[in-house]
Amino acid sequence: MANPAHRPRARAPGKGRIASAARRLFARRGYAATSMADVAAAAGVSKATVFHHFGNKRGLYQALIADAVIGFREQVVPLLDAEGETEAGLGAFAEAHAERLDRLQGTMRLIMREMLEGSPGSLEVLRSGEMARNFSLVVEALRRGQAAGKVRADADPGLAAFVLMCTSWFLFQT
């Protein structure tokens, strides 16, 4: 008979379920109109569990924004690094970015709400440099494409990256 001390423990209500519920609520209602009690109820956990995982409402909100921005860099930006394959890299990046926008609609709504309205709970996350770092990586990929002769030399890489971001938001909204 197996030793009960070595039996796998039942998994405690996780951060993922809480984050998913919070993402939906913050995206729909905004930071100020969403309470920790709302998040706990939507996740099916106690408020104490939410506080245990995230510390406070600001910590929860900042974790959601940071996770989305860092997740974008980890999933999508590496596609731009194909050595000598600028066209393929940009194509793969655009395809993966569109797929990510579609798959993570709640997260994208949350970030758009944040950028357009600027809730007090997370503007510092957007200003933290993570989003700027992602933008810079896209600009650098376009510059590498220019150096390789795959992107027009007279195109402004910063403007092109900005237009790409705006186009993505437009497509997401429509």
N, C-alpha and C. Protein backbone atom coordinates (compact mmCIF):
# COMPACT_ATOMS: atom_id res chain seq x y z
N MET A 1 0.84 -1.18 0.00
CA MET A 1 0.00 0.00 0.00
C MET A 1 0.89 1.24 0.00
N ALA A 2 0.49 2.23 -0.76
CA ALA A 2 1.29 3.45 -0.88
C ALA A 2 1.27 4.24 0.42
N ASN A 3 2.38 4.85 0.72
CA ASN A 3 2.50 5.68 1.90
C ASN A 3 1.67 6.95 1.70
N PRO A 4 0.69 7.24 2.60
CA PRO A 4 -0.14 8.43 2.43
C PRO A 4 0.67 9.73 2.40
N ALA A 5 1.84 9.73 3.01
CA ALA A 5 2.65 10.95 3.02
C ALA A 5 3.18 11.27 1.62
N HIS A 6 3.27 10.25 0.75
CA HIS A 6 3.79 10.46 -0.60
C HIS A 6 2.68 10.60 -1.64
N ARG A 7 1.45 10.60 -1.19
CA ARG A 7 0.33 10.75 -2.11
C ARG A 7 0.32 12.19 -2.63
N PRO A 8 0.12 12.36 -3.92
CA PRO A 8 0.07 13.73 -4.44
C PRO A 8 -1.07 14.52 -3.80
N ARG A 9 -0.77 15.73 -3.44
CA ARG A 9 -1.79 16.57 -2.82
C ARG A 9 -2.78 17.06 -3.86
N ALA A 10 -4.02 17.24 -3.43
CA ALA A 10 -5.00 17.86 -4.32
C ALA A 10 -4.54 19.29 -4.57
N ARG A 11 -4.66 19.73 -5.76
CA ARG A 11 -4.17 21.06 -6.11
C ARG A 11 -5.04 22.15 -5.51
N ALA A 12 -4.41 23.09 -4.85
CA ALA A 12 -5.14 24.22 -4.27
C ALA A 12 -5.64 25.10 -5.40
N PRO A 13 -6.73 25.83 -5.16
CA PRO A 13 -7.21 26.74 -6.20
C PRO A 13 -6.06 27.63 -6.65
N GLY A 14 -5.78 27.62 -7.93
CA GLY A 14 -4.57 28.23 -8.42
C GLY A 14 -4.67 29.66 -8.87
N LYS A 15 -3.49 30.19 -9.04
CA LYS A 15 -3.36 31.56 -9.53
C LYS A 15 -3.98 31.70 -10.91
N GLY A 16 -3.88 30.65 -11.72
CA GLY A 16 -4.41 30.72 -13.08
C GLY A 16 -5.91 30.98 -13.12
N ARG A 17 -6.65 30.30 -12.28
CA ARG A 17 -8.10 30.49 -12.24
C ARG A 17 -8.45 31.89 -11.73
N ILE A 18 -7.72 32.34 -10.74
CA ILE A 18 -7.94 33.69 -10.21
C ILE A 18 -7.59 34.73 -11.27
N ALA A 19 -6.44 34.55 -11.92
CA ALA A 19 -6.01 35.50 -12.96
C ALA A 19 -7.01 35.55 -14.10
N SER A 20 -7.51 34.41 -14.51
CA SER A 20 -8.48 34.36 -15.60
C SER A 20 -9.76 35.13 -15.24
N ALA A 21 -10.26 34.90 -14.04
CA ALA A 21 -11.46 35.61 -13.59
C ALA A 21 -11.20 37.11 -13.47
N ALA A 22 -10.07 37.47 -12.90
CA ALA A 22 -9.73 38.89 -12.74
C ALA A 22 -9.56 39.58 -14.08
N ARG A 23 -8.93 38.90 -15.02
CA ARG A 23 -8.71 39.47 -16.36
C ARG A 23 -10.05 39.81 -17.00
N ARG A 24 -11.01 38.89 -16.92
CA ARG A 24 -12.34 39.13 -17.49
C ARG A 24 -13.02 40.32 -16.82
N LEU A 25 -12.98 40.35 -15.48
CA LEU A 25 -13.65 41.42 -14.75
C LEU A 25 -13.00 42.78 -14.98
N PHE A 26 -11.68 42.85 -14.90
CA PHE A 26 -10.98 44.12 -15.12
C PHE A 26 -11.20 44.62 -16.54
N ALA A 27 -11.18 43.70 -17.51
CA ALA A 27 -11.38 44.11 -18.91
C ALA A 27 -12.78 44.64 -19.12
N ARG A 28 -13.76 44.04 -18.48
CA ARG A 28 -15.15 44.45 -18.66
C ARG A 28 -15.50 45.69 -17.84
N ARG A 29 -15.05 45.73 -16.57
CA ARG A 29 -15.48 46.78 -15.66
C ARG A 29 -14.44 47.86 -15.39
N GLY A 30 -13.18 47.53 -15.55
CA GLY A 30 -12.11 48.46 -15.19
C GLY A 30 -11.60 48.18 -13.79
N TYR A 31 -10.52 48.85 -13.46
CA TYR A 31 -9.85 48.63 -12.18
C TYR A 31 -10.73 49.07 -11.00
N ALA A 32 -11.22 50.28 -11.05
CA ALA A 32 -11.95 50.84 -9.91
C ALA A 32 -13.24 50.09 -9.61
N ALA A 33 -13.91 49.59 -10.63
CA ALA A 33 -15.21 48.95 -10.45
C ALA A 33 -15.12 47.45 -10.14
N THR A 34 -13.92 46.94 -10.02
CA THR A 34 -13.75 45.52 -9.72
C THR A 34 -13.15 45.36 -8.33
N SER A 35 -13.83 44.59 -7.49
CA SER A 35 -13.34 44.38 -6.13
C SER A 35 -12.69 43.00 -6.01
N MET A 36 -11.91 42.84 -4.99
CA MET A 36 -11.29 41.54 -4.73
C MET A 36 -12.37 40.50 -4.43
N ALA A 37 -13.47 40.92 -3.80
CA ALA A 37 -14.58 40.00 -3.55
C ALA A 37 -15.19 39.53 -4.87
N ASP A 38 -15.30 40.44 -5.85
CA ASP A 38 -15.81 40.07 -7.17
C ASP A 38 -14.90 39.02 -7.81
N VAL A 39 -13.61 39.26 -7.73
CA VAL A 39 -12.63 38.34 -8.32
C VAL A 39 -12.73 36.97 -7.65
N ALA A 40 -12.76 36.96 -6.33
CA ALA A 40 -12.85 35.70 -5.58
C ALA A 40 -14.11 34.93 -5.97
N ALA A 41 -15.24 35.62 -6.02
CA ALA A 41 -16.49 34.96 -6.37
C ALA A 41 -16.44 34.39 -7.79
N ALA A 42 -15.91 35.17 -8.74
CA ALA A 42 -15.83 34.71 -10.13
C ALA A 42 -14.88 33.53 -10.28
N ALA A 43 -13.84 33.47 -9.45
CA ALA A 43 -12.87 32.37 -9.51
C ALA A 43 -13.31 31.18 -8.66
N GLY A 44 -14.33 31.37 -7.82
CA GLY A 44 -14.79 30.29 -6.95
C GLY A 44 -13.84 29.98 -5.81
N VAL A 45 -13.17 31.04 -5.31
CA VAL A 45 -12.24 30.89 -4.20
C VAL A 45 -12.57 31.94 -3.14
N SER A 46 -11.91 31.84 -2.00
CA SER A 46 -12.11 32.85 -0.96
C SER A 46 -11.26 34.08 -1.27
N LYS A 47 -11.65 35.21 -0.68
CA LYS A 47 -10.83 36.42 -0.82
C LYS A 47 -9.43 36.18 -0.26
N ALA A 48 -9.34 35.41 0.80
CA ALA A 48 -8.03 35.13 1.41
C ALA A 48 -7.11 34.44 0.41
N THR A 49 -7.67 33.57 -0.42
CA THR A 49 -6.86 32.88 -1.43
C THR A 49 -6.34 33.87 -2.46
N VAL A 50 -7.19 34.81 -2.86
CA VAL A 50 -6.76 35.82 -3.83
C VAL A 50 -5.63 36.66 -3.22
N PHE A 51 -5.81 37.10 -1.98
CA PHE A 51 -4.78 37.89 -1.30
C PHE A 51 -3.49 37.08 -1.11
N HIS A 52 -3.64 35.79 -0.83
CA HIS A 52 -2.46 34.94 -0.64
C HIS A 52 -1.60 34.92 -1.92
N HIS A 53 -2.25 34.81 -3.07
CA HIS A 53 -1.51 34.70 -4.33
C HIS A 53 -1.01 36.04 -4.87
N PHE A 54 -1.73 37.14 -4.60
CA PHE A 54 -1.40 38.40 -5.25
C PHE A 54 -1.13 39.56 -4.30
N GLY A 55 -1.37 39.38 -3.02
CA GLY A 55 -1.06 40.42 -2.05
C GLY A 55 -2.15 41.47 -1.91
N ASN A 56 -2.51 42.11 -3.01
CA ASN A 56 -3.57 43.12 -2.98
C ASN A 56 -4.09 43.33 -4.41
N LYS A 57 -5.07 44.18 -4.54
CA LYS A 57 -5.70 44.42 -5.84
C LYS A 57 -4.71 44.98 -6.84
N ARG A 58 -3.90 45.91 -6.42
CA ARG A 58 -2.89 46.50 -7.31
C ARG A 58 -1.91 45.43 -7.79
N GLY A 59 -1.48 44.56 -6.87
CA GLY A 59 -0.56 43.48 -7.23
C GLY A 59 -1.17 42.52 -8.25
N LEU A 60 -2.45 42.21 -8.07
CA LEU A 60 -3.16 41.35 -9.02
C LEU A 60 -3.22 42.00 -10.40
N TYR A 61 -3.62 43.25 -10.42
CA TYR A 61 -3.77 43.98 -11.68
C TYR A 61 -2.43 44.12 -12.39
N GLN A 62 -1.42 44.48 -11.65
CA GLN A 62 -0.08 44.63 -12.24
C GLN A 62 0.44 43.29 -12.76
N ALA A 63 0.15 42.22 -12.06
CA ALA A 63 0.59 40.89 -12.50
C ALA A 63 -0.06 40.53 -13.84
N LEU A 64 -1.32 40.89 -14.01
CA LEU A 64 -2.02 40.59 -15.27
C LEU A 64 -1.42 41.37 -16.44
N ILE A 65 -1.18 42.66 -16.23
CA ILE A 65 -0.59 43.49 -17.29
C ILE A 65 0.82 43.01 -17.62
N ALA A 66 1.63 42.80 -16.59
CA ALA A 66 3.02 42.37 -16.81
C ALA A 66 3.06 41.02 -17.50
N ASP A 67 2.19 40.10 -17.12
CA ASP A 67 2.15 38.78 -17.73
C ASP A 67 1.84 38.88 -19.22
N ALA A 68 0.92 39.76 -19.58
CA ALA A 68 0.56 39.92 -20.99
C ALA A 68 1.71 40.51 -21.79
N VAL A 69 2.36 41.51 -21.25
CA VAL A 69 3.45 42.18 -21.97
C VAL A 69 4.65 41.24 -22.11
N ILE A 70 5.00 40.56 -21.04
CA ILE A 70 6.13 39.64 -21.09
C ILE A 70 5.78 38.41 -21.94
N GLY A 71 4.54 37.95 -21.87
CA GLY A 71 4.10 36.82 -22.69
C GLY A 71 4.21 37.12 -24.17
N PHE A 72 3.88 38.36 -24.55
CA PHE A 72 4.01 38.78 -25.94
C PHE A 72 5.47 38.66 -26.39
N ARG A 73 6.36 39.15 -25.55
CA ARG A 73 7.78 39.10 -25.90
C ARG A 73 8.26 37.66 -26.00
N GLU A 74 7.84 36.81 -25.10
CA GLU A 74 8.31 35.43 -25.10
C GLU A 74 7.75 34.61 -26.27
N GLN A 75 6.49 34.88 -26.64
CA GLN A 75 5.85 34.08 -27.68
C GLN A 75 6.06 34.63 -29.07
N VAL A 76 5.93 35.92 -29.24
CA VAL A 76 5.84 36.49 -30.58
C VAL A 76 7.15 37.11 -31.05
N VAL A 77 7.81 37.87 -30.22
CA VAL A 77 9.00 38.61 -30.64
C VAL A 77 10.13 37.70 -31.14
N PRO A 78 10.37 36.51 -30.56
CA PRO A 78 11.45 35.68 -31.09
C PRO A 78 11.30 35.31 -32.57
N LEU A 79 10.09 35.38 -33.07
CA LEU A 79 9.87 35.08 -34.49
C LEU A 79 10.55 36.09 -35.40
N LEU A 80 10.86 37.26 -34.86
CA LEU A 80 11.54 38.29 -35.64
C LEU A 80 13.03 38.05 -35.77
N ASP A 81 13.56 37.13 -35.01
CA ASP A 81 15.00 36.93 -34.94
C ASP A 81 15.56 35.94 -35.94
N ALA A 82 14.78 35.54 -36.92
CA ALA A 82 15.28 34.59 -37.91
C ALA A 82 16.40 35.26 -38.70
N GLU A 83 17.62 34.74 -38.53
CA GLU A 83 18.80 35.31 -39.19
C GLU A 83 18.64 35.26 -40.71
N GLY A 84 18.69 36.43 -41.33
CA GLY A 84 18.62 36.50 -42.78
C GLY A 84 17.26 36.18 -43.36
N GLU A 85 16.29 35.91 -42.54
CA GLU A 85 14.95 35.55 -43.01
C GLU A 85 13.95 36.62 -42.61
N THR A 86 14.21 37.85 -42.97
CA THR A 86 13.36 38.96 -42.55
C THR A 86 11.92 38.78 -42.98
N GLU A 87 11.72 38.42 -44.25
CA GLU A 87 10.35 38.28 -44.74
C GLU A 87 9.60 37.17 -44.00
N ALA A 88 10.25 36.03 -43.85
CA ALA A 88 9.63 34.91 -43.14
C ALA A 88 9.39 35.27 -41.67
N GLY A 89 10.37 35.94 -41.07
CA GLY A 89 10.22 36.34 -39.67
C GLY A 89 9.09 37.32 -39.46
N LEU A 90 8.99 38.33 -40.34
CA LEU A 90 7.89 39.29 -40.22
C LEU A 90 6.54 38.62 -40.48
N GLY A 91 6.51 37.71 -41.43
CA GLY A 91 5.27 36.98 -41.70
C GLY A 91 4.84 36.13 -40.52
N ALA A 92 5.80 35.41 -39.95
CA ALA A 92 5.51 34.56 -38.78
C ALA A 92 5.08 35.42 -37.59
N PHE A 93 5.76 36.58 -37.43
CA PHE A 93 5.41 37.49 -36.34
C PHE A 93 3.96 37.98 -36.50
N ALA A 94 3.60 38.44 -37.70
CA ALA A 94 2.25 38.96 -37.94
C ALA A 94 1.20 37.88 -37.70
N GLU A 95 1.47 36.67 -38.17
CA GLU A 95 0.52 35.57 -37.99
C GLU A 95 0.37 35.21 -36.51
N ALA A 96 1.48 35.09 -35.81
CA ALA A 96 1.43 34.74 -34.38
C ALA A 96 0.78 35.85 -33.56
N HIS A 97 1.05 37.11 -33.94
CA HIS A 97 0.46 38.23 -33.21
C HIS A 97 -1.05 38.25 -33.39
N ALA A 98 -1.53 38.03 -34.61
CA ALA A 98 -2.98 37.99 -34.86
C ALA A 98 -3.62 36.84 -34.09
N GLU A 99 -2.96 35.69 -34.07
CA GLU A 99 -3.48 34.53 -33.34
C GLU A 99 -3.53 34.83 -31.84
N ARG A 100 -2.50 35.49 -31.33
CA ARG A 100 -2.45 35.84 -29.92
C ARG A 100 -3.56 36.82 -29.55
N LEU A 101 -3.79 37.81 -30.41
CA LEU A 101 -4.87 38.77 -30.18
C LEU A 101 -6.21 38.05 -30.09
N ASP A 102 -6.42 37.10 -30.98
CA ASP A 102 -7.68 36.36 -31.00
C ASP A 102 -7.82 35.46 -29.78
N ARG A 103 -6.74 34.76 -29.43
CA ARG A 103 -6.77 33.80 -28.32
C ARG A 103 -6.87 34.48 -26.97
N LEU A 104 -6.26 35.63 -26.81
CA LEU A 104 -6.21 36.30 -25.51
C LEU A 104 -7.05 37.58 -25.52
N GLN A 105 -8.27 37.47 -25.96
CA GLN A 105 -9.10 38.66 -26.11
C GLN A 105 -9.30 39.41 -24.80
N GLY A 106 -9.50 38.71 -23.70
CA GLY A 106 -9.68 39.39 -22.42
C GLY A 106 -8.44 40.18 -22.04
N THR A 107 -7.28 39.59 -22.24
CA THR A 107 -6.03 40.27 -21.92
C THR A 107 -5.84 41.49 -22.82
N MET A 108 -6.14 41.34 -24.10
CA MET A 108 -5.96 42.45 -25.03
C MET A 108 -6.92 43.60 -24.68
N ARG A 109 -8.14 43.26 -24.30
CA ARG A 109 -9.09 44.31 -23.88
C ARG A 109 -8.57 45.03 -22.65
N LEU A 110 -7.99 44.27 -21.74
CA LEU A 110 -7.44 44.85 -20.52
C LEU A 110 -6.32 45.83 -20.86
N ILE A 111 -5.41 45.44 -21.72
CA ILE A 111 -4.31 46.33 -22.09
C ILE A 111 -4.82 47.54 -22.85
N MET A 112 -5.74 47.34 -23.78
CA MET A 112 -6.29 48.49 -24.51
C MET A 112 -7.00 49.45 -23.57
N ARG A 113 -7.78 48.91 -22.66
CA ARG A 113 -8.47 49.77 -21.68
C ARG A 113 -7.44 50.57 -20.90
N GLU A 114 -6.37 49.91 -20.52
CA GLU A 114 -5.33 50.56 -19.73
C GLU A 114 -4.65 51.67 -20.52
N MET A 115 -4.34 51.40 -21.76
CA MET A 115 -3.64 52.40 -22.57
C MET A 115 -4.55 53.58 -22.91
N LEU A 116 -5.83 53.32 -23.08
CA LEU A 116 -6.75 54.39 -23.45
C LEU A 116 -7.27 55.17 -22.25
N GLU A 117 -7.49 54.48 -21.12
CA GLU A 117 -8.09 55.14 -19.97
C GLU A 117 -7.11 55.41 -18.85
N GLY A 118 -6.11 54.58 -18.72
CA GLY A 118 -5.10 54.78 -17.68
C GLY A 118 -5.62 54.66 -16.27
N SER A 119 -5.95 53.45 -15.85
CA SER A 119 -6.39 53.22 -14.48
C SER A 119 -5.24 53.48 -13.51
N PRO A 120 -5.56 53.96 -12.31
CA PRO A 120 -4.51 54.24 -11.34
C PRO A 120 -3.74 52.98 -10.93
N GLY A 121 -4.32 51.83 -11.12
CA GLY A 121 -3.69 50.60 -10.64
C GLY A 121 -2.54 50.08 -11.45
N SER A 122 -2.38 50.52 -12.68
CA SER A 122 -1.33 49.87 -13.44
C SER A 122 -0.57 50.72 -14.43
N LEU A 123 -0.79 51.99 -14.47
CA LEU A 123 -0.03 52.81 -15.41
C LEU A 123 1.47 52.63 -15.22
N GLU A 124 1.88 52.42 -13.97
CA GLU A 124 3.31 52.23 -13.74
C GLU A 124 3.83 50.97 -14.40
N VAL A 125 2.98 49.94 -14.58
CA VAL A 125 3.40 48.73 -15.27
C VAL A 125 3.66 49.05 -16.74
N LEU A 126 2.78 49.82 -17.35
CA LEU A 126 2.97 50.18 -18.75
C LEU A 126 4.18 51.07 -18.92
N ARG A 127 4.48 51.86 -17.91
CA ARG A 127 5.64 52.75 -17.97
C ARG A 127 6.93 52.05 -17.56
N SER A 128 6.82 50.83 -17.10
CA SER A 128 7.97 50.15 -16.51
C SER A 128 9.07 49.82 -17.51
N GLY A 129 8.79 49.93 -18.75
CA GLY A 129 9.79 49.63 -19.75
C GLY A 129 9.57 48.33 -20.49
N GLU A 130 8.74 47.45 -19.96
CA GLU A 130 8.51 46.17 -20.63
C GLU A 130 7.85 46.38 -21.99
N MET A 131 6.84 47.23 -22.05
CA MET A 131 6.17 47.48 -23.32
C MET A 131 7.11 48.20 -24.28
N ALA A 132 7.88 49.14 -23.76
CA ALA A 132 8.84 49.86 -24.60
C ALA A 132 9.90 48.90 -25.13
N ARG A 133 10.30 47.96 -24.31
CA ARG A 133 11.29 46.96 -24.74
C ARG A 133 10.73 46.13 -25.89
N ASN A 134 9.47 45.70 -25.78
CA ASN A 134 8.84 44.93 -26.86
C ASN A 134 8.82 45.75 -28.15
N PHE A 135 8.42 47.01 -28.04
CA PHE A 135 8.35 47.88 -29.20
C PHE A 135 9.73 48.03 -29.83
N SER A 136 10.75 48.21 -29.00
CA SER A 136 12.12 48.36 -29.50
C SER A 136 12.60 47.11 -30.23
N LEU A 137 12.19 45.94 -29.77
CA LEU A 137 12.58 44.70 -30.44
C LEU A 137 11.98 44.61 -31.84
N VAL A 138 10.74 45.08 -31.99
CA VAL A 138 10.11 45.10 -33.31
C VAL A 138 10.84 46.10 -34.21
N VAL A 139 11.14 47.28 -33.68
CA VAL A 139 11.86 48.30 -34.45
C VAL A 139 13.23 47.76 -34.90
N GLU A 140 13.94 47.10 -33.99
CA GLU A 140 15.26 46.55 -34.34
C GLU A 140 15.16 45.48 -35.42
N ALA A 141 14.12 44.67 -35.37
CA ALA A 141 13.93 43.65 -36.42
C ALA A 141 13.73 44.32 -37.78
N LEU A 142 12.98 45.41 -37.79
CA LEU A 142 12.78 46.14 -39.04
C LEU A 142 14.09 46.78 -39.53
N ARG A 143 14.89 47.27 -38.61
CA ARG A 143 16.20 47.84 -38.99
C ARG A 143 17.11 46.76 -39.57
N ARG A 144 17.08 45.57 -38.97
CA ARG A 144 17.88 44.47 -39.52
C ARG A 144 17.41 44.13 -40.93
N GLY A 145 16.11 44.20 -41.13
CA GLY A 145 15.56 43.97 -42.46
C GLY A 145 16.03 45.01 -43.45
N GLN A 146 16.11 46.26 -43.00
CA GLN A 146 16.64 47.31 -43.87
C GLN A 146 18.09 47.04 -44.23
N ALA A 147 18.89 46.67 -43.24
CA ALA A 147 20.31 46.40 -43.48
C ALA A 147 20.50 45.23 -44.43
N ALA A 148 19.57 44.28 -44.40
CA ALA A 148 19.66 43.12 -45.29
C ALA A 148 19.03 43.39 -46.65
N GLY A 149 18.46 44.59 -46.83
CA GLY A 149 17.82 44.92 -48.10
C GLY A 149 16.45 44.32 -48.28
N LYS A 150 15.84 43.85 -47.20
CA LYS A 150 14.52 43.21 -47.27
C LYS A 150 13.39 44.16 -46.90
N VAL A 151 13.73 45.28 -46.28
CA VAL A 151 12.76 46.31 -45.91
C VAL A 151 13.24 47.61 -46.55
N ARG A 152 12.32 48.36 -47.11
CA ARG A 152 12.68 49.60 -47.79
C ARG A 152 13.55 50.48 -46.90
N ALA A 153 14.61 51.00 -47.48
CA ALA A 153 15.56 51.83 -46.74
C ALA A 153 14.95 53.16 -46.32
N ASP A 154 13.96 53.65 -47.07
CA ASP A 154 13.37 54.95 -46.73
C ASP A 154 12.20 54.84 -45.76
N ALA A 155 11.89 53.63 -45.30
CA ALA A 155 10.82 53.43 -44.33
C ALA A 155 11.35 53.72 -42.93
N ASP A 156 10.57 54.38 -42.12
CA ASP A 156 10.95 54.64 -40.73
C ASP A 156 10.54 53.43 -39.89
N PRO A 157 11.50 52.67 -39.35
CA PRO A 157 11.17 51.47 -38.58
C PRO A 157 10.26 51.74 -37.38
N GLY A 158 10.47 52.87 -36.70
CA GLY A 158 9.62 53.21 -35.55
C GLY A 158 8.19 53.46 -35.97
N LEU A 159 8.02 54.18 -37.06
CA LEU A 159 6.67 54.44 -37.57
C LEU A 159 6.02 53.15 -38.06
N ALA A 160 6.79 52.31 -38.73
CA ALA A 160 6.25 51.04 -39.21
C ALA A 160 5.79 50.16 -38.05
N ALA A 161 6.57 50.11 -36.98
CA ALA A 161 6.18 49.32 -35.81
C ALA A 161 4.92 49.90 -35.17
N PHE A 162 4.85 51.23 -35.11
CA PHE A 162 3.66 51.89 -34.55
C PHE A 162 2.42 51.58 -35.39
N VAL A 163 2.56 51.64 -36.72
CA VAL A 163 1.43 51.33 -37.61
C VAL A 163 1.02 49.88 -37.44
N LEU A 164 1.99 48.98 -37.29
CA LEU A 164 1.68 47.57 -37.05
C LEU A 164 0.85 47.42 -35.78
N MET A 165 1.26 48.11 -34.71
CA MET A 165 0.53 48.03 -33.45
C MET A 165 -0.89 48.59 -33.61
N CYS A 166 -1.00 49.73 -34.26
CA CYS A 166 -2.32 50.35 -34.45
C CYS A 166 -3.23 49.49 -35.32
N THR A 167 -2.65 48.89 -36.36
CA THR A 167 -3.42 48.00 -37.23
C THR A 167 -3.92 46.80 -36.45
N SER A 168 -3.07 46.26 -35.60
CA SER A 168 -3.48 45.12 -34.77
C SER A 168 -4.66 45.51 -33.89
N TRP A 169 -4.58 46.68 -33.27
CA TRP A 169 -5.68 47.12 -32.40
C TRP A 169 -6.95 47.33 -33.20
N PHE A 170 -6.82 47.91 -34.40
CA PHE A 170 -8.00 48.13 -35.24
C PHE A 170 -8.64 46.79 -35.59
N LEU A 171 -7.82 45.83 -36.02
CA LEU A 171 -8.36 44.52 -36.37
C LEU A 171 -8.99 43.85 -35.16
N PHE A 172 -8.37 43.99 -34.01
CA PHE A 172 -8.92 43.40 -32.79
C PHE A 172 -10.28 44.01 -32.46
N GLN A 173 -10.38 45.33 -32.59
CA GLN A 173 -11.63 46.04 -32.27
C GLN A 173 -12.75 45.68 -33.24
N THR A 174 -12.40 45.45 -34.50
CA THR A 174 -13.45 45.16 -35.49
C THR A 174 -13.64 43.67 -35.65
